[in-house]
Amino acid sequence: MDYQAFIDEQIAAIRDAVGDGTAINALSGGVDSSVVTVLGHRALSERLKTVFIDTALMRQGEPERVAATFAEM
């Protein structure tokens, strides 16, 4: 499968599931939650509300890097 087609399908699925509403997701900084956050932001823009979850198990400085990476979204 073409990766761009997969991305487009997931964005469409998120838009369909949320409709005109607002979605909330949790971001831990791991691969899974980071991908969900990026796809959700592409699908919903300002209608996605992301909550960063600092698990206290991250490396020193990692919570700040994760927060800074996703701050623009």
N, C-alpha and C. Protein backbone atom coordinates (compact mmCIF):
# COMPACT_ATOMS: atom_id res chain seq x y z
N MET A 1 0.83 -1.18 0.00
CA MET A 1 0.00 0.00 0.00
C MET A 1 0.88 1.25 0.00
N ASP A 2 0.45 2.23 -0.70
CA ASP A 2 1.11 3.52 -0.77
C ASP A 2 0.92 4.24 0.58
N TYR A 3 2.02 4.68 1.19
CA TYR A 3 1.91 5.30 2.51
C TYR A 3 1.06 6.57 2.48
N GLN A 4 1.13 7.35 1.41
CA GLN A 4 0.34 8.58 1.34
C GLN A 4 -1.15 8.25 1.27
N ALA A 5 -1.50 7.18 0.57
CA ALA A 5 -2.90 6.75 0.52
C ALA A 5 -3.37 6.33 1.92
N PHE A 6 -2.51 5.65 2.66
CA PHE A 6 -2.85 5.24 4.02
C PHE A 6 -3.10 6.46 4.90
N ILE A 7 -2.20 7.44 4.82
CA ILE A 7 -2.35 8.67 5.61
C ILE A 7 -3.66 9.37 5.26
N ASP A 8 -3.92 9.49 3.97
CA ASP A 8 -5.16 10.15 3.52
C ASP A 8 -6.39 9.42 4.03
N GLU A 9 -6.36 8.09 4.01
CA GLU A 9 -7.48 7.29 4.50
C GLU A 9 -7.70 7.51 6.00
N GLN A 10 -6.62 7.56 6.76
CA GLN A 10 -6.74 7.76 8.21
C GLN A 10 -7.27 9.15 8.53
N ILE A 11 -6.81 10.15 7.80
CA ILE A 11 -7.31 11.51 8.01
C ILE A 11 -8.80 11.57 7.70
N ALA A 12 -9.21 10.95 6.61
CA ALA A 12 -10.64 10.92 6.25
C ALA A 12 -11.45 10.18 7.31
N ALA A 13 -10.91 9.10 7.84
CA ALA A 13 -11.61 8.33 8.87
C ALA A 13 -11.78 9.14 10.15
N ILE A 14 -10.75 9.89 10.52
CA ILE A 14 -10.84 10.74 11.72
C ILE A 14 -11.90 11.81 11.51
N ARG A 15 -11.86 12.47 10.36
CA ARG A 15 -12.86 13.51 10.07
C ARG A 15 -14.27 12.95 10.10
N ASP A 16 -14.44 11.76 9.54
CA ASP A 16 -15.75 11.11 9.52
C ASP A 16 -16.22 10.78 10.93
N ALA A 17 -15.31 10.25 11.76
CA ALA A 17 -15.67 9.85 13.12
C ALA A 17 -16.01 11.05 13.99
N VAL A 18 -15.29 12.15 13.83
CA VAL A 18 -15.49 13.32 14.68
C VAL A 18 -16.60 14.22 14.16
N GLY A 19 -16.79 14.23 12.85
CA GLY A 19 -17.81 15.10 12.27
C GLY A 19 -17.48 16.55 12.53
N ASP A 20 -18.45 17.30 13.04
CA ASP A 20 -18.25 18.72 13.34
C ASP A 20 -17.79 18.96 14.77
N GLY A 21 -17.55 17.87 15.49
CA GLY A 21 -17.21 17.99 16.90
C GLY A 21 -15.75 18.29 17.15
N THR A 22 -15.38 18.15 18.40
CA THR A 22 -14.01 18.33 18.87
C THR A 22 -13.52 17.00 19.41
N ALA A 23 -12.25 16.70 19.19
CA ALA A 23 -11.67 15.46 19.71
C ALA A 23 -10.58 15.79 20.71
N ILE A 24 -10.37 14.88 21.63
CA ILE A 24 -9.32 15.00 22.63
C ILE A 24 -8.42 13.79 22.51
N ASN A 25 -7.10 14.00 22.57
CA ASN A 25 -6.18 12.87 22.60
C ASN A 25 -5.09 13.11 23.62
N ALA A 26 -4.49 12.02 24.08
CA ALA A 26 -3.39 12.09 25.03
C ALA A 26 -2.08 11.82 24.31
N LEU A 27 -1.08 12.62 24.59
CA LEU A 27 0.24 12.51 23.98
C LEU A 27 1.25 12.18 25.06
N SER A 28 1.91 11.03 24.90
CA SER A 28 2.95 10.65 25.86
C SER A 28 4.35 10.90 25.31
N GLY A 29 4.44 11.15 24.01
CA GLY A 29 5.74 11.35 23.38
C GLY A 29 6.26 10.11 22.69
N GLY A 30 5.58 8.99 22.88
CA GLY A 30 5.96 7.76 22.19
C GLY A 30 5.51 7.81 20.73
N VAL A 31 5.93 6.81 19.98
CA VAL A 31 5.62 6.78 18.55
C VAL A 31 4.11 6.74 18.30
N ASP A 32 3.41 5.88 18.99
CA ASP A 32 1.97 5.71 18.74
C ASP A 32 1.20 7.00 18.98
N SER A 33 1.37 7.58 20.16
CA SER A 33 0.60 8.79 20.45
C SER A 33 1.07 9.98 19.61
N SER A 34 2.33 9.99 19.22
CA SER A 34 2.82 11.07 18.35
C SER A 34 2.20 10.99 16.97
N VAL A 35 2.10 9.78 16.42
CA VAL A 35 1.47 9.61 15.10
C VAL A 35 -0.01 9.97 15.17
N VAL A 36 -0.69 9.53 16.21
CA VAL A 36 -2.11 9.86 16.38
C VAL A 36 -2.29 11.37 16.46
N THR A 37 -1.40 12.04 17.17
CA THR A 37 -1.50 13.50 17.31
C THR A 37 -1.30 14.20 15.97
N VAL A 38 -0.31 13.78 15.21
CA VAL A 38 -0.06 14.41 13.90
C VAL A 38 -1.23 14.16 12.96
N LEU A 39 -1.71 12.92 12.88
CA LEU A 39 -2.85 12.63 12.00
C LEU A 39 -4.09 13.40 12.45
N GLY A 40 -4.32 13.41 13.74
CA GLY A 40 -5.48 14.13 14.26
C GLY A 40 -5.40 15.62 13.97
N HIS A 41 -4.22 16.17 14.11
CA HIS A 41 -4.05 17.60 13.83
C HIS A 41 -4.28 17.88 12.34
N ARG A 42 -3.77 17.02 11.49
CA ARG A 42 -3.98 17.21 10.05
C ARG A 42 -5.46 17.10 9.69
N ALA A 43 -6.16 16.24 10.39
CA ALA A 43 -7.58 16.03 10.10
C ALA A 43 -8.46 17.13 10.68
N LEU A 44 -8.13 17.58 11.89
CA LEU A 44 -9.06 18.44 12.63
C LEU A 44 -8.53 19.83 12.95
N SER A 45 -7.25 20.03 12.84
CA SER A 45 -6.62 21.31 13.15
C SER A 45 -7.00 21.75 14.56
N GLU A 46 -7.61 22.90 14.71
CA GLU A 46 -7.93 23.48 16.02
C GLU A 46 -8.99 22.69 16.78
N ARG A 47 -9.67 21.78 16.10
CA ARG A 47 -10.71 20.99 16.78
C ARG A 47 -10.14 19.77 17.50
N LEU A 48 -8.82 19.60 17.45
CA LEU A 48 -8.16 18.54 18.22
C LEU A 48 -7.52 19.18 19.45
N LYS A 49 -7.88 18.69 20.60
CA LYS A 49 -7.31 19.17 21.86
C LYS A 49 -6.40 18.05 22.39
N THR A 50 -5.12 18.33 22.46
CA THR A 50 -4.14 17.34 22.88
C THR A 50 -3.68 17.63 24.30
N VAL A 51 -3.65 16.59 25.11
CA VAL A 51 -3.18 16.68 26.48
C VAL A 51 -1.87 15.90 26.57
N PHE A 52 -0.80 16.57 26.97
CA PHE A 52 0.49 15.91 27.13
C PHE A 52 0.54 15.23 28.48
N ILE A 53 0.84 13.95 28.49
CA ILE A 53 0.91 13.16 29.70
C ILE A 53 2.37 12.88 30.02
N ASP A 54 2.89 13.51 31.06
CA ASP A 54 4.25 13.24 31.51
C ASP A 54 4.19 12.06 32.46
N THR A 55 4.67 10.93 32.03
CA THR A 55 4.58 9.70 32.81
C THR A 55 5.62 9.62 33.93
N ALA A 56 6.51 10.58 33.99
CA ALA A 56 7.62 10.61 34.95
C ALA A 56 8.61 9.48 34.71
N LEU A 57 8.50 8.83 33.55
CA LEU A 57 9.43 7.76 33.19
C LEU A 57 10.31 8.16 32.00
N MET A 58 10.28 9.43 31.65
CA MET A 58 11.03 9.90 30.49
C MET A 58 12.45 10.29 30.90
N ARG A 59 13.29 10.38 29.88
CA ARG A 59 14.66 10.83 30.11
C ARG A 59 14.67 12.31 30.50
N GLN A 60 15.75 12.74 31.11
CA GLN A 60 15.87 14.14 31.51
C GLN A 60 15.75 15.04 30.29
N GLY A 61 14.88 16.03 30.38
CA GLY A 61 14.68 16.98 29.30
C GLY A 61 13.70 16.53 28.22
N GLU A 62 13.33 15.25 28.24
CA GLU A 62 12.43 14.74 27.20
C GLU A 62 11.03 15.35 27.26
N PRO A 63 10.43 15.54 28.43
CA PRO A 63 9.11 16.17 28.44
C PRO A 63 9.12 17.55 27.78
N GLU A 64 10.16 18.32 28.02
CA GLU A 64 10.27 19.64 27.43
C GLU A 64 10.42 19.56 25.90
N ARG A 65 11.18 18.57 25.43
CA ARG A 65 11.36 18.40 23.97
C ARG A 65 10.05 17.99 23.31
N VAL A 66 9.32 17.09 23.93
CA VAL A 66 8.03 16.65 23.37
C VAL A 66 7.07 17.84 23.33
N ALA A 67 6.97 18.56 24.43
CA ALA A 67 6.07 19.71 24.49
C ALA A 67 6.44 20.75 23.43
N ALA A 68 7.73 21.00 23.26
CA ALA A 68 8.18 21.99 22.27
C ALA A 68 7.89 21.51 20.86
N THR A 69 8.06 20.23 20.58
CA THR A 69 7.82 19.69 19.25
C THR A 69 6.37 19.86 18.83
N PHE A 70 5.45 19.64 19.75
CA PHE A 70 4.03 19.67 19.42
C PHE A 70 3.36 20.99 19.77
N ALA A 71 4.09 21.95 20.30
CA ALA A 71 3.49 23.22 20.73
C ALA A 71 2.83 23.97 19.58
N GLU A 72 3.39 23.89 18.40
CA GLU A 72 2.85 24.61 17.25
C GLU A 72 1.52 24.04 16.79
N MET A 73 1.24 22.80 17.13
CA MET A 73 -0.01 22.17 16.72
C MET A 73 -1.11 22.57 17.66
